[in-house]
Amino acid sequence: MGCIIYDPKSCKAVAIISSKATLRERVAQVGYWYLKIKGSPITKNIKVFFITLDEDGDLVIKKPTKKSRAITKAIKSN
């Protein structure tokens, strides 16, 4: 599920929220769009949030690092 929050006065997007119970396919999509949004001068100020229940436990297991955890850490460090 996704949600765009916008300023009703200017009609400009201020934040994007992406939520999912598991990380499987969504984490790569969120990473891709995060980089695209932050890479453009027009959209660089839009906040991007990813919310998950992490039902698979991908973020809990530190070693061996799962792909989903690595992607979220890379996004977080930017």
C-alpha atoms as a PDB file:
ATOM      1  CA  MET A   1       0.000   0.000   0.000  1.00  0.00           C
ATOM      2  CA  GLY A   2       1.220   3.493  -0.714  1.00  0.00           C
ATOM      3  CA  CYS A   3       0.154   6.966   0.248  1.00  0.00           C
ATOM      4  CA  ILE A   4       1.185  10.413  -0.955  1.00  0.00           C
ATOM      5  CA  ILE A   5       0.908  13.331   1.443  1.00  0.00           C
ATOM      6  CA  TYR A   6       0.611  16.718  -0.178  1.00  0.00           C
ATOM      7  CA  ASP A   7       0.251  20.344   0.789  1.00  0.00           C
ATOM      8  CA  PRO A   8      -3.330  21.305  -0.105  1.00  0.00           C
ATOM      9  CA  LYS A   9      -2.374  24.956  -0.629  1.00  0.00           C
ATOM     10  CA  SER A  10       0.343  24.309  -3.210  1.00  0.00           C
ATOM     11  CA  CYS A  11      -0.774  20.820  -4.354  1.00  0.00           C
ATOM     12  CA  LYS A  12       2.860  19.697  -4.039  1.00  0.00           C
ATOM     13  CA  ALA A  13       3.801  16.290  -2.661  1.00  0.00           C
ATOM     14  CA  VAL A  14       5.640  16.497   0.669  1.00  0.00           C
ATOM     15  CA  ALA A  15       5.953  12.812   1.575  1.00  0.00           C
ATOM     16  CA  ILE A  16       5.461   9.303   0.251  1.00  0.00           C
ATOM     17  CA  ILE A  17       4.616   6.454   2.623  1.00  0.00           C
ATOM     18  CA  SER A  18       4.992   2.867   1.490  1.00  0.00           C
ATOM     19  CA  SER A  19       3.774   0.102   3.787  1.00  0.00           C
ATOM     20  CA  LYS A  20       3.889  -3.677   3.516  1.00  0.00           C
ATOM     21  CA  ALA A  21       3.572  -6.624   5.898  1.00  0.00           C
ATOM     22  CA  THR A  22       6.686  -8.301   4.439  1.00  0.00           C
ATOM     23  CA  LEU A  23       9.739  -6.903   2.687  1.00  0.00           C
ATOM     24  CA  ARG A  24      10.031  -9.337  -0.192  1.00  0.00           C
ATOM     25  CA  GLU A  25       9.222  -7.481  -3.391  1.00  0.00           C
ATOM     26  CA  ARG A  26       8.548  -4.019  -2.017  1.00  0.00           C
ATOM     27  CA  VAL A  27      11.961  -3.192  -0.545  1.00  0.00           C
ATOM     28  CA  ALA A  28      13.677  -3.051  -3.944  1.00  0.00           C
ATOM     29  CA  GLN A  29      10.865  -0.877  -5.328  1.00  0.00           C
ATOM     30  CA  VAL A  30      11.131   1.528  -2.411  1.00  0.00           C
ATOM     31  CA  GLY A  31      14.920   1.711  -2.839  1.00  0.00           C
ATOM     32  CA  TYR A  32      14.576   2.438  -6.546  1.00  0.00           C
ATOM     33  CA  TRP A  33      12.010   5.195  -6.089  1.00  0.00           C
ATOM     34  CA  TYR A  34      13.917   6.679  -3.154  1.00  0.00           C
ATOM     35  CA  LEU A  35      16.976   7.128  -5.371  1.00  0.00           C
ATOM     36  CA  LYS A  36      14.892   8.508  -8.260  1.00  0.00           C
ATOM     37  CA  ILE A  37      13.099  11.012  -6.018  1.00  0.00           C
ATOM     38  CA  LYS A  38      16.250  12.180  -4.230  1.00  0.00           C
ATOM     39  CA  GLY A  39      18.146  12.446  -7.528  1.00  0.00           C
ATOM     40  CA  SER A  40      15.885  15.056  -9.093  1.00  0.00           C
ATOM     41  CA  PRO A  41      16.020  18.743  -8.130  1.00  0.00           C
ATOM     42  CA  ILE A  42      12.225  18.932  -8.516  1.00  0.00           C
ATOM     43  CA  THR A  43      11.477  16.074  -6.078  1.00  0.00           C
ATOM     44  CA  LYS A  44      14.543  15.978  -3.806  1.00  0.00           C
ATOM     45  CA  ASN A  45      12.687  17.577  -0.869  1.00  0.00           C
ATOM     46  CA  ILE A  46       9.951  14.931  -0.771  1.00  0.00           C
ATOM     47  CA  LYS A  47      10.302  12.691   2.280  1.00  0.00           C
ATOM     48  CA  VAL A  48      10.139   8.930   1.703  1.00  0.00           C
ATOM     49  CA  PHE A  49       8.985   6.565   4.463  1.00  0.00           C
ATOM     50  CA  PHE A  50       8.861   2.788   4.426  1.00  0.00           C
ATOM     51  CA  ILE A  51       6.765   1.050   7.061  1.00  0.00           C
ATOM     52  CA  THR A  52       6.779  -2.714   7.557  1.00  0.00           C
ATOM     53  CA  LEU A  53       5.615  -5.291  10.067  1.00  0.00           C
ATOM     54  CA  ASP A  54       8.579  -7.412   8.916  1.00  0.00           C
ATOM     55  CA  GLU A  55       6.561 -10.608   9.271  1.00  0.00           C
ATOM     56  CA  ASP A  56       9.448 -12.563   7.712  1.00  0.00           C
ATOM     57  CA  GLY A  57      11.975 -11.238  10.242  1.00  0.00           C
ATOM     58  CA  ASP A  58      14.346  -9.946   7.540  1.00  0.00           C
ATOM     59  CA  LEU A  59      15.344  -6.907   9.596  1.00  0.00           C
ATOM     60  CA  VAL A  60      15.813  -8.868  12.828  1.00  0.00           C
ATOM     61  CA  ILE A  61      18.398 -11.332  11.526  1.00  0.00           C
ATOM     62  CA  LYS A  62      21.756  -9.527  11.382  1.00  0.00           C
ATOM     63  CA  LYS A  63      23.988 -12.365  10.160  1.00  0.00           C
ATOM     64  CA  PRO A  64      23.887 -13.610   7.545  1.00  0.00           C
ATOM     65  CA  THR A  65      22.539 -10.315   6.247  1.00  0.00           C
ATOM     66  CA  LYS A  66      19.534 -10.827   4.030  1.00  0.00           C
ATOM     67  CA  LYS A  67      19.129  -8.804   0.824  1.00  0.00           C
ATOM     68  CA  SER A  68      16.175  -6.854   2.244  1.00  0.00           C
ATOM     69  CA  ARG A  69      18.175  -5.763   5.296  1.00  0.00           C
ATOM     70  CA  ALA A  70      21.115  -4.660   3.128  1.00  0.00           C
ATOM     71  CA  ILE A  71      18.875  -2.539   0.902  1.00  0.00           C
ATOM     72  CA  THR A  72      17.154  -0.840   3.836  1.00  0.00           C
ATOM     73  CA  LYS A  73      20.494  -0.070   5.464  1.00  0.00           C
ATOM     74  CA  ALA A  74      21.758   1.439   2.196  1.00  0.00           C
ATOM     75  CA  ILE A  75      18.648   3.624   1.913  1.00  0.00           C
ATOM     76  CA  LYS A  76      18.916   4.671   5.557  1.00  0.00           C
ATOM     77  CA  SER A  77      22.559   5.779   5.162  1.00  0.00           C
ATOM     78  CA  ASN A  78      21.659   8.195   2.331  1.00  0.00           C
END
